[in-house]
Protein backbone atom coordinates (compact mmCIF):
# COMPACT_ATOMS: atom_id res chain seq x y z
CA UNK A 1 26.16 15.12 26.92
CA UNK A 2 27.14 18.48 28.38
CA UNK A 3 24.36 20.73 29.67
CA UNK A 4 25.15 23.61 27.29
CA UNK A 5 24.82 21.28 24.30
CA UNK A 6 21.49 20.00 25.60
CA UNK A 7 20.33 23.63 25.88
CA UNK A 8 21.46 24.67 22.39
CA UNK A 9 18.88 27.09 20.86
CA UNK A 10 16.88 27.18 24.11
CA UNK A 11 16.49 30.73 25.46
CA UNK A 12 17.35 30.59 29.15
CA UNK A 13 18.00 32.68 32.23
CA UNK A 14 19.64 31.54 35.43
CA UNK A 15 23.01 29.91 35.79
CA UNK A 16 24.25 26.39 36.18
CA UNK A 17 27.68 24.83 35.66
CA UNK A 18 28.18 23.04 32.34
CA UNK A 19 27.83 19.62 33.93
CA UNK A 20 27.46 16.23 32.27
CA UNK A 21 23.84 15.21 31.74
CA UNK A 22 23.09 11.49 31.86
CA UNK A 23 19.43 11.58 30.80
CA UNK A 24 16.46 13.83 30.09
CA UNK A 25 13.46 13.45 32.38
CA UNK A 26 10.01 15.05 32.68
CA UNK A 27 8.44 12.40 34.92
CA UNK A 28 9.26 12.77 38.62
CA UNK A 29 8.90 9.00 39.07
CA UNK A 30 11.79 8.39 36.67
CA UNK A 31 14.41 10.74 38.08
CA UNK A 32 17.93 9.28 37.93
CA UNK A 33 21.36 10.43 39.06
CA UNK A 34 22.70 13.16 36.78
CA UNK A 35 19.51 13.67 34.77
CA UNK A 36 18.12 17.01 33.63
CA UNK A 37 14.61 17.33 35.07
CA UNK A 38 12.17 19.46 33.06
CA UNK A 39 9.17 20.89 34.91
CA UNK A 40 6.03 20.91 32.76
CA UNK A 41 2.61 22.20 33.74
CA UNK A 42 0.05 19.60 32.68
CA UNK A 43 -3.73 19.64 32.79
CA UNK A 44 -3.73 17.68 36.06
CA UNK A 45 -0.23 17.99 37.56
CA UNK A 46 2.31 20.79 37.57
CA UNK A 47 5.67 19.07 37.91
CA UNK A 48 7.28 22.29 39.19
CA UNK A 49 6.21 20.99 42.61
CA UNK A 50 8.72 18.15 42.21
CA UNK A 51 11.71 20.34 41.27
CA UNK A 52 13.34 20.44 44.72
CA UNK A 53 12.75 16.71 45.15
CA UNK A 54 14.42 16.09 41.78
CA UNK A 55 17.61 17.79 42.95
CA UNK A 56 17.50 15.82 46.20
CA UNK A 57 17.24 12.60 44.19
CA UNK A 58 20.36 13.45 42.21
CA UNK A 59 19.19 15.42 39.19
CA UNK A 60 22.02 17.55 37.81
CA UNK A 61 19.70 20.53 37.29
CA UNK A 62 16.06 21.47 36.71
CA UNK A 63 14.51 23.46 33.88
CA UNK A 64 11.49 25.52 34.97
CA UNK A 65 9.23 28.38 33.90
CA UNK A 66 9.68 30.53 36.99
CA UNK A 67 12.26 31.21 39.68
CA UNK A 68 11.93 28.44 42.25
CA UNK A 69 14.81 29.66 44.39
CA UNK A 70 16.86 26.53 43.69
CA UNK A 71 20.62 26.39 43.36
CA UNK A 72 20.70 24.53 40.03
CA UNK A 73 17.79 25.88 38.00
CA UNK A 74 17.52 27.07 34.42
CA UNK A 75 14.48 29.28 33.75
CA UNK A 76 12.82 29.29 30.32
CA UNK A 77 9.67 30.94 28.99
CA UNK A 78 8.00 27.69 27.93
CA UNK A 79 9.18 24.32 29.22
CA UNK A 80 7.14 22.37 26.63
CA UNK A 81 8.96 24.03 23.75
CA UNK A 82 12.25 23.79 25.62
CA UNK A 83 11.68 20.07 26.25
CA UNK A 84 11.11 19.46 22.55
CA UNK A 85 14.25 21.37 21.54
CA UNK A 86 16.32 19.59 24.21
CA UNK A 87 15.07 16.21 22.97
CA UNK A 88 16.15 17.14 19.45
CA UNK A 89 19.58 18.15 20.76
CA UNK A 90 19.86 14.97 22.84
CA UNK A 91 19.54 12.82 19.72
CA UNK A 92 21.91 15.07 17.73
CA UNK A 93 19.12 16.87 15.87
CA UNK A 94 18.16 13.95 13.63
CA UNK A 95 15.31 15.74 11.83
CA UNK A 96 17.92 18.00 10.21
CA UNK A 97 19.34 14.89 8.53
CA UNK A 98 15.95 13.95 7.08
CA UNK A 99 13.67 15.60 4.56
CA UNK A 100 10.53 16.02 6.69
CA UNK A 101 7.01 16.26 5.26
CA UNK A 102 4.26 17.14 7.73
CA UNK A 103 0.56 16.55 6.98
CA UNK A 104 -2.12 18.22 9.07
CA UNK A 105 -5.91 18.50 8.79
CA UNK A 106 -9.02 16.87 10.23
CA UNK A 107 -9.47 14.06 7.72
CA UNK A 108 -7.20 12.32 5.25
CA UNK A 109 -3.88 12.58 7.08
CA UNK A 110 -3.28 8.84 7.35
CA UNK A 111 -4.29 7.94 3.80
CA UNK A 112 -2.27 10.83 2.40
CA UNK A 113 0.82 9.91 4.41
CA UNK A 114 0.71 6.30 3.19
CA UNK A 115 0.25 7.42 -0.41
CA UNK A 116 3.20 9.81 -0.13
CA UNK A 117 5.40 7.17 1.50
CA UNK A 118 4.55 4.80 -1.36
CA UNK A 119 5.37 7.43 -4.00
CA UNK A 120 8.75 8.20 -2.42
CA UNK A 121 9.59 4.51 -2.07
CA UNK A 122 8.66 3.87 -5.70
CA UNK A 123 11.11 6.66 -6.54
CA UNK A 124 13.84 4.62 -4.85
CA UNK A 125 14.09 6.12 -1.36
CA UNK A 126 13.96 4.61 2.12
CA UNK A 127 11.15 6.40 3.95
CA UNK A 128 10.08 6.72 7.57
CA UNK A 129 6.47 7.24 8.66
CA UNK A 130 4.98 8.76 11.82
CA UNK A 131 1.24 8.26 11.99
CA UNK A 132 -2.03 7.22 13.57
CA UNK A 133 -1.97 3.55 12.62
CA UNK A 134 1.71 2.87 13.20
CA UNK A 135 5.19 4.31 12.88
CA UNK A 136 7.48 2.80 10.28
CA UNK A 137 11.20 2.83 9.60
CA UNK A 138 11.36 1.67 6.01
CA UNK A 139 9.31 -1.53 6.13
CA UNK A 140 9.79 -2.09 9.88
CA UNK A 141 6.70 -1.33 11.95
CA UNK A 142 6.97 0.51 15.26
CA UNK A 143 3.68 0.68 17.16
CA UNK A 144 2.38 4.05 18.34
CA UNK A 145 0.00 5.31 21.01
CA UNK A 146 -0.93 8.69 19.54
CA UNK A 147 -0.89 10.48 16.19
CA UNK A 148 2.19 12.54 17.04
CA UNK A 149 4.43 11.02 19.75
CA UNK A 150 5.95 12.92 22.67
CA UNK A 151 9.03 14.91 21.68
CA UNK A 152 11.50 12.42 23.19
CA UNK A 153 9.92 9.43 21.45
CA UNK A 154 9.64 11.43 18.23
CA UNK A 155 13.29 12.45 18.14
CA UNK A 156 14.35 8.92 19.11
CA UNK A 157 12.30 7.66 16.17
CA UNK A 158 13.90 10.18 13.81
CA UNK A 159 17.34 9.08 15.01
CA UNK A 160 16.46 5.45 14.26
CA UNK A 161 15.29 6.51 10.78
CA UNK A 162 18.61 8.23 10.14
CA UNK A 163 20.52 5.14 11.31
CA UNK A 164 18.40 2.99 8.97
CA UNK A 165 19.27 5.15 5.97
CA UNK A 166 15.96 6.97 5.55
CA UNK A 167 16.10 9.98 3.28
CA UNK A 168 12.53 11.12 3.90
CA UNK A 169 10.13 11.05 6.85
CA UNK A 170 6.40 11.54 6.31
CA UNK A 171 4.58 12.62 9.44
CA UNK A 172 0.97 13.19 10.49
CA UNK A 173 1.06 16.33 12.61
CA UNK A 174 -1.91 16.69 14.95
CA UNK A 175 -3.30 19.96 16.28
CA UNK A 176 -2.53 18.73 19.81
CA UNK A 177 1.12 18.18 18.90
CA UNK A 178 1.41 21.65 17.41
CA UNK A 179 -0.35 23.29 20.35
CA UNK A 180 1.77 21.37 22.86
CA UNK A 181 5.06 22.16 21.10
CA UNK A 182 5.88 18.50 20.43
CA UNK A 183 7.44 19.30 17.05
CA UNK A 184 9.52 22.26 18.22
CA UNK A 185 13.04 21.64 16.95
CA UNK A 186 11.76 20.18 13.67
CA UNK A 187 11.89 21.87 10.28
CA UNK A 188 9.61 20.59 7.53
CA UNK A 189 10.56 20.77 3.87
CA UNK A 190 6.83 20.61 3.10
CA UNK A 191 3.83 21.13 5.35
CA UNK A 192 0.49 20.03 3.87
CA UNK A 193 -3.09 20.93 4.80
CA UNK A 194 -5.89 18.50 3.88
CA UNK A 195 -9.09 20.04 5.29
CA UNK A 196 -10.68 21.36 8.46
CA UNK A 197 -14.01 20.22 9.90
CA UNK A 198 -15.35 19.95 13.43
CA UNK A 199 -13.23 17.84 15.75
CA UNK A 200 -11.33 18.22 19.03
CA UNK A 201 -13.36 21.22 20.19
CA UNK A 202 -13.28 19.67 23.67
CA UNK A 203 -9.59 20.65 23.60
CA UNK A 204 -9.39 23.73 21.36
CA UNK A 205 -12.71 25.33 22.29
CA UNK A 206 -13.51 26.94 18.93
CA UNK A 207 -12.94 26.22 15.26
CA UNK A 208 -10.82 29.37 15.01
CA UNK A 209 -8.48 28.12 17.73
CA UNK A 210 -8.42 24.67 16.13
CA UNK A 211 -7.45 26.25 12.80
CA UNK A 212 -4.79 28.41 14.46
CA UNK A 213 -3.20 25.31 15.98
CA UNK A 214 -3.10 23.58 12.58
CA UNK A 215 -1.68 26.67 10.92
CA UNK A 216 1.37 26.63 13.19
CA UNK A 217 2.79 23.85 11.00
CA UNK A 218 3.44 26.38 8.24
CA UNK A 219 5.56 28.58 10.50
CA UNK A 220 8.12 25.76 10.60
CA UNK A 221 7.78 24.66 6.95
CA UNK A 222 9.73 25.70 3.85
CA UNK A 223 6.69 25.27 1.59
CA UNK A 224 2.96 24.99 2.37
CA UNK A 225 0.82 22.66 0.24
CA UNK A 226 -2.81 23.74 0.65
CA UNK A 227 -6.26 22.49 -0.37
CA UNK A 228 -7.71 25.37 -2.40
CA UNK A 229 -11.22 23.86 -2.18
CA UNK A 230 -11.47 23.79 1.60
CA UNK A 231 -13.51 26.59 3.25
CA UNK A 232 -10.60 27.22 5.62
CA UNK A 233 -8.09 27.72 2.79
CA UNK A 234 -8.08 31.50 3.08
CA UNK A 235 -7.42 31.35 6.83
CA UNK A 236 -4.61 28.86 6.32
CA UNK A 237 -2.99 30.80 3.49
CA UNK A 238 -3.02 34.31 4.97
CA UNK A 239 0.28 35.85 6.10
CA UNK A 240 2.35 32.69 5.81
CA UNK A 241 6.12 33.01 6.12
CA UNK A 242 6.69 30.47 3.33
CA UNK A 243 5.63 30.03 -0.31
CA UNK A 244 2.43 28.06 -1.04
CA UNK A 245 1.45 25.38 -3.54
CA UNK A 246 -2.24 24.65 -4.09
CA UNK A 247 -4.31 21.73 -5.34
CA UNK A 248 -7.97 21.44 -6.31
CA UNK A 249 -10.61 19.13 -7.73
CA UNK A 250 -12.88 21.98 -8.87
CA UNK A 251 -10.75 25.03 -9.70
CA UNK A 252 -8.33 25.61 -12.57
CA UNK A 253 -6.50 28.20 -10.45
CA UNK A 254 -4.48 25.65 -8.46
CA UNK A 255 -1.03 24.40 -9.40
CA UNK A 256 -2.30 20.81 -9.36
CA UNK A 257 -5.84 19.85 -10.34
CA UNK A 258 -7.98 16.75 -10.81
CA UNK A 259 -10.10 16.63 -13.96
CA UNK A 260 -12.69 14.18 -15.34
CA UNK A 261 -13.42 12.26 -12.14
CA UNK A 262 -15.05 8.88 -12.77
CA UNK A 263 -16.19 6.99 -9.69
CA UNK A 264 -16.21 3.19 -9.61
CA UNK A 265 -17.52 0.87 -6.85
CA UNK A 266 -13.94 -0.19 -6.12
CA UNK A 267 -12.09 3.04 -6.82
CA UNK A 268 -12.00 6.32 -8.72
CA UNK A 269 -10.27 7.53 -11.89
CA UNK A 270 -9.14 11.06 -12.66
CA UNK A 271 -6.62 13.05 -14.63
CA UNK A 272 -3.88 14.82 -12.70
CA UNK A 273 -3.16 18.08 -14.47
CA UNK A 274 -0.39 20.62 -14.00
CA UNK A 275 1.40 23.02 -16.31
CA UNK A 276 2.68 20.99 -19.25
CA UNK A 277 1.64 17.56 -17.89
CA UNK A 278 -1.48 15.39 -17.79
CA UNK A 279 -1.51 11.92 -16.22
CA UNK A 280 -4.24 9.31 -15.79
CA UNK A 281 -4.68 8.01 -12.24
CA UNK A 282 -6.70 4.94 -11.23
CA UNK A 283 -7.07 4.74 -7.44
CA UNK A 284 -8.00 1.51 -5.65
CA UNK A 285 -10.09 3.32 -3.02
CA UNK A 286 -13.44 4.88 -3.94
CA UNK A 287 -14.78 8.35 -3.34
CA UNK A 288 -14.02 11.99 -4.01
CA UNK A 289 -12.17 12.18 -0.69
CA UNK A 290 -9.70 9.64 -2.12
CA UNK A 291 -9.00 12.06 -4.96
CA UNK A 292 -8.17 14.80 -2.46
CA UNK A 293 -5.84 12.46 -0.56
CA UNK A 294 -4.10 11.60 -3.82
CA UNK A 295 -3.87 15.28 -4.80
CA UNK A 296 -2.27 16.17 -1.46
CA UNK A 297 0.29 13.38 -1.78
CA UNK A 298 1.01 14.20 -5.42
CA UNK A 299 1.45 17.92 -4.73
CA UNK A 300 3.89 17.15 -1.90
CA UNK A 301 5.90 14.69 -4.00
CA UNK A 302 6.06 17.01 -7.01
CA UNK A 303 7.11 19.90 -4.76
CA UNK A 304 9.93 17.68 -3.52
CA UNK A 305 11.12 17.07 -7.07
CA UNK A 306 9.74 13.59 -7.74
CA UNK A 307 8.98 13.22 -11.45
CA UNK A 308 5.40 13.53 -12.71
CA UNK A 309 5.42 10.06 -14.29
CA UNK A 310 6.72 8.45 -11.09
CA UNK A 311 3.98 10.15 -9.07
CA UNK A 312 1.07 9.10 -11.31
CA UNK A 313 2.40 5.55 -11.70
CA UNK A 314 2.79 5.13 -7.93
CA UNK A 315 -0.73 6.42 -7.23
CA UNK A 316 -2.17 3.78 -9.56
CA UNK A 317 -0.60 0.83 -7.73
CA UNK A 318 -0.90 2.12 -4.15
CA UNK A 319 -2.40 -0.48 -1.81
CA UNK A 320 -5.67 -0.10 0.08
CA UNK A 321 -5.09 1.27 3.60
CA UNK A 322 -6.47 -0.61 6.58
CA UNK A 323 -9.59 0.98 8.01
CA UNK A 324 -10.00 3.51 5.23
CA UNK A 325 -12.96 2.51 3.03
CA UNK A 326 -11.77 -1.07 3.63
CA UNK A 327 -14.01 -3.71 2.07
CA UNK A 328 -14.15 -6.85 4.25
CA UNK A 329 -14.41 -10.13 2.31
CA UNK A 330 -17.76 -11.81 3.08
CA UNK A 331 -18.51 -14.14 0.14
CA UNK A 332 -22.16 -13.08 0.57
CA UNK A 333 -24.64 -11.03 -1.43
CA UNK A 334 -24.00 -7.96 0.74
CA UNK A 335 -20.95 -5.77 1.35
CA UNK A 336 -19.23 -4.78 4.61
CA UNK A 337 -17.02 -1.68 4.72
CA UNK A 338 -14.87 -0.53 7.66
CA UNK A 339 -13.93 3.14 7.85
CA UNK A 340 -12.33 5.36 10.47
CA UNK A 341 -14.90 8.14 9.98
CA UNK A 342 -15.37 9.71 13.42
CA UNK A 343 -16.36 13.27 12.54
CA UNK A 344 -19.52 14.61 10.84
CA UNK A 345 -17.53 15.43 7.71
CA UNK A 346 -15.73 12.09 7.65
CA UNK A 347 -19.02 10.23 8.04
CA UNK A 348 -20.60 12.31 5.29
CA UNK A 349 -17.71 11.56 2.94
CA UNK A 350 -17.84 7.79 3.33
CA UNK A 351 -21.66 7.64 3.26
CA UNK A 352 -21.82 9.69 0.06
CA UNK A 353 -19.15 7.49 -1.49
CA UNK A 354 -21.02 4.28 -0.64
CA UNK A 355 -24.36 5.71 -1.75
CA UNK A 356 -22.89 6.36 -5.18
CA UNK A 357 -22.18 2.67 -5.73
CA UNK A 358 -24.65 0.79 -3.52
CA UNK A 359 -27.22 -1.66 -4.89
CA UNK A 360 -29.53 -2.04 -1.89
CA UNK A 361 -29.65 -0.23 1.46
CA UNK A 362 -26.82 1.57 3.21
CA UNK A 363 -26.86 0.42 6.84
CA UNK A 364 -24.58 2.58 9.00
CA UNK A 365 -23.28 1.29 12.34
CA UNK A 366 -21.59 4.01 14.36
CA UNK A 367 -20.99 5.51 17.80
CA UNK A 368 -19.15 8.49 19.27
CA UNK A 369 -16.10 8.58 21.50
CA UNK A 370 -16.30 9.43 25.18
CA UNK A 371 -14.36 12.27 26.83
CA UNK A 372 -14.44 14.11 23.51
CA UNK A 373 -16.43 16.92 21.88
CA UNK A 374 -20.09 16.27 22.77
CA UNK A 375 -21.45 18.77 20.26
CA UNK A 376 -20.53 16.63 17.27
CA UNK A 377 -22.57 13.63 18.49
CA UNK A 378 -26.04 14.79 17.33
CA UNK A 379 -24.44 16.18 14.16
CA UNK A 380 -22.98 12.78 13.31
CA UNK A 381 -26.37 11.19 14.00
CA UNK A 382 -28.13 13.64 11.69
CA UNK A 383 -25.53 13.00 8.99
CA UNK A 384 -25.89 9.22 9.32
CA UNK A 385 -29.68 9.45 9.15
CA UNK A 386 -29.69 11.78 6.16
CA UNK A 387 -27.37 9.57 4.12
CA UNK A 388 -28.31 6.06 5.27
CA UNK A 389 -31.32 3.81 4.82
CA UNK A 390 -30.96 2.36 8.32
CA UNK A 391 -28.83 3.39 11.31
CA UNK A 392 -27.50 1.27 14.16
CA UNK A 393 -26.35 3.45 17.07
CA UNK A 394 -23.71 1.78 19.24
CA UNK A 395 -20.55 2.52 21.24
CA UNK A 396 -17.18 3.65 19.95
CA UNK A 397 -14.52 4.24 22.63
CA UNK A 398 -16.61 5.40 25.62
CA UNK A 399 -13.52 5.83 27.80
CA UNK A 400 -14.60 7.16 31.20
CA UNK A 401 -18.10 8.18 30.10
CA UNK A 402 -21.25 6.12 30.50
CA UNK A 403 -21.92 4.60 27.04
CA UNK A 404 -25.65 5.11 27.47
CA UNK A 405 -25.14 8.83 28.16
CA UNK A 406 -23.09 9.13 24.95
CA UNK A 407 -25.80 7.28 23.02
CA UNK A 408 -28.42 9.67 24.45
CA UNK A 409 -26.47 12.58 22.97
CA UNK A 410 -26.33 10.76 19.63
CA UNK A 411 -30.02 9.85 19.58
CA UNK A 412 -30.90 13.52 20.16
CA UNK A 413 -29.74 14.08 16.59
CA UNK A 414 -32.25 11.54 15.29
CA UNK A 415 -35.37 13.20 16.69
CA UNK A 416 -36.42 14.82 13.42
CA UNK A 417 -35.48 11.99 11.07
CA UNK A 418 -37.72 9.51 9.29
CA UNK A 419 -34.80 7.09 8.87
CA UNK A 420 -35.37 3.90 10.87
CA UNK A 421 -32.77 3.13 13.52
CA UNK A 422 -32.04 0.87 16.45
CA UNK A 423 -29.80 1.25 19.50
CA UNK A 424 -27.46 -1.58 20.54
CA UNK A 425 -24.89 -0.31 23.03
CA UNK A 426 -22.54 -3.30 22.80
CA UNK A 427 -20.54 -2.81 19.58
CA UNK A 428 -19.96 -6.52 19.01
CA UNK A 429 -23.68 -7.23 19.36
CA UNK A 430 -24.46 -4.30 17.05
CA UNK A 431 -22.24 -5.71 14.30
CA UNK A 432 -23.74 -9.18 14.73
CA UNK A 433 -27.22 -7.65 14.46
CA UNK A 434 -26.33 -5.81 11.26
CA UNK A 435 -24.88 -8.94 9.65
CA UNK A 436 -27.82 -11.07 10.78
CA UNK A 437 -30.34 -8.63 9.32
CA UNK A 438 -28.48 -7.86 6.08
CA UNK A 439 -30.42 -8.15 2.85
CA UNK A 440 -29.18 -8.92 -0.64
CA UNK A 441 -27.43 -5.88 -2.11
CA UNK A 442 -26.99 -4.10 1.23
CA UNK A 443 -23.84 -2.22 2.14
CA UNK A 444 -23.04 -2.28 5.87
CA UNK A 445 -20.79 0.54 6.99
CA UNK A 446 -18.92 0.08 10.28
CA UNK A 447 -17.80 3.63 11.02
CA UNK A 448 -15.47 5.02 13.67
CA UNK A 449 -12.98 2.31 14.59
CA UNK A 450 -11.17 1.89 11.28
CA UNK A 451 -7.69 0.47 11.86
CA UNK A 452 -8.17 0.16 15.64
CA UNK A 453 -8.22 -3.35 17.08
CA UNK A 454 -9.28 -2.33 20.57
CA UNK A 455 -12.01 -0.55 22.48
CA UNK A 456 -11.35 1.82 25.39
CA UNK A 457 -13.83 1.32 28.23
CA UNK A 458 -14.06 2.80 31.70
CA UNK A 459 -12.70 -0.52 33.00
CA UNK A 460 -9.72 -0.55 30.62
CA UNK A 461 -8.83 -1.40 27.04
CA UNK A 462 -10.17 -4.60 25.48
CA UNK A 463 -9.42 -6.35 22.20
CA UNK A 464 -11.96 -5.54 19.51
CA UNK A 465 -11.15 -6.15 15.84
CA UNK A 466 -14.17 -5.57 13.64
CA UNK A 467 -12.80 -7.90 10.95
CA UNK A 468 -12.85 -10.76 13.46
CA UNK A 469 -16.35 -9.82 14.62
CA UNK A 470 -17.62 -9.79 11.03
CA UNK A 471 -16.09 -13.23 10.45
CA UNK A 472 -17.73 -14.58 13.62
CA UNK A 473 -21.08 -13.10 12.64
CA UNK A 474 -20.85 -14.63 9.17
CA UNK A 475 -20.07 -18.04 10.68
CA UNK A 476 -23.07 -17.76 13.00
CA UNK A 477 -25.24 -16.74 10.08
CA UNK A 478 -24.23 -19.93 8.29
CA UNK A 479 -25.63 -22.18 11.01
């Protein structure tokens, strides 16, 4: 591809001949003859220092944020945004050939994206998915390493979706991706906001900055679908460049509302109401948070023109999502639930849901991730203690931190509680302990890992599937 085509819609200064570009590269270790090397300033390495070396190794040109005095340099204001736009150009701007729906928020993104994909597929379309658990092209699964992939991988994925005949692509859009310009070059038909609670403050610093990062989605969306009930709704809705559609489970002022909620141990029923239409919905996942996920998905689908009857019908037969209020078969007189809750709000939601339908105790097993916001650790502990009958504090993904130091931060939040608890740092041992000590009617909540089948330690990543651990613990409890 010619250089000028690669640089389409990228504001540049500097001059370089319109040469043939053989590849795009942002990693100095992967420089090849004829590539376009893009210098990006990271948190640890500024690849501008490799620009001259890139030319020596055969790069056709370099893209940089300042004048480096090189013969074949193109200067841009922001190389992250430029990289994303160039990746879109490289794959012939595939997102323009898809109807993109972006979902952002702290909790509910994954469940909502799966619900929306199901609705669109029930309406007869082939749908792509970009998300936390996995990426999908129709029914084909493509594994992922982060909620929103790097721009090159993302555009490559969009191109594959186009080739596979996808009409829609549903995408979880993280605050990191928005802040780091990974979705520059994309235009969303609908951008949806689920909610905002404390998370990722190790990266964003403050809730206001976290909210501002999320809000950037609506600057590249044709319509914003917003949760009217969330405390951050006003911030999200102010001064948007696009029209808004709202949904609510408590207010009649939204375009789409949920009425007459009836919670069941294995799900929740409600009536979806909009002007001129009322539909009964029976969800297979319990809890009020499930209603909000369904409302978000429904509002997006209806905004896209999917019929009301198709939306309500699809919500009723949507499958349970792995790691989201997932009940693990035990064939015992107690219940085990796996949920991805890893924020104070997420933990509160699942605990309140399980409390509403429990028979005996709620035993919550949870930990907090390492190299992440430390301030939420005691808050999660306080939430677990307030809403559980017994708490087991353990490890999540400690990463490079000492697990015992993380647990110390967690236990600080239990100092004023009367709720009994124990500390078992090894997560496998903690789950075995909870199963071994379960009483008739208990509900054991394994919070934090959800869909993940691994644990990230200082020594590397190991296999850890809580479903397998539960099965092993049940077998041991039989002997």
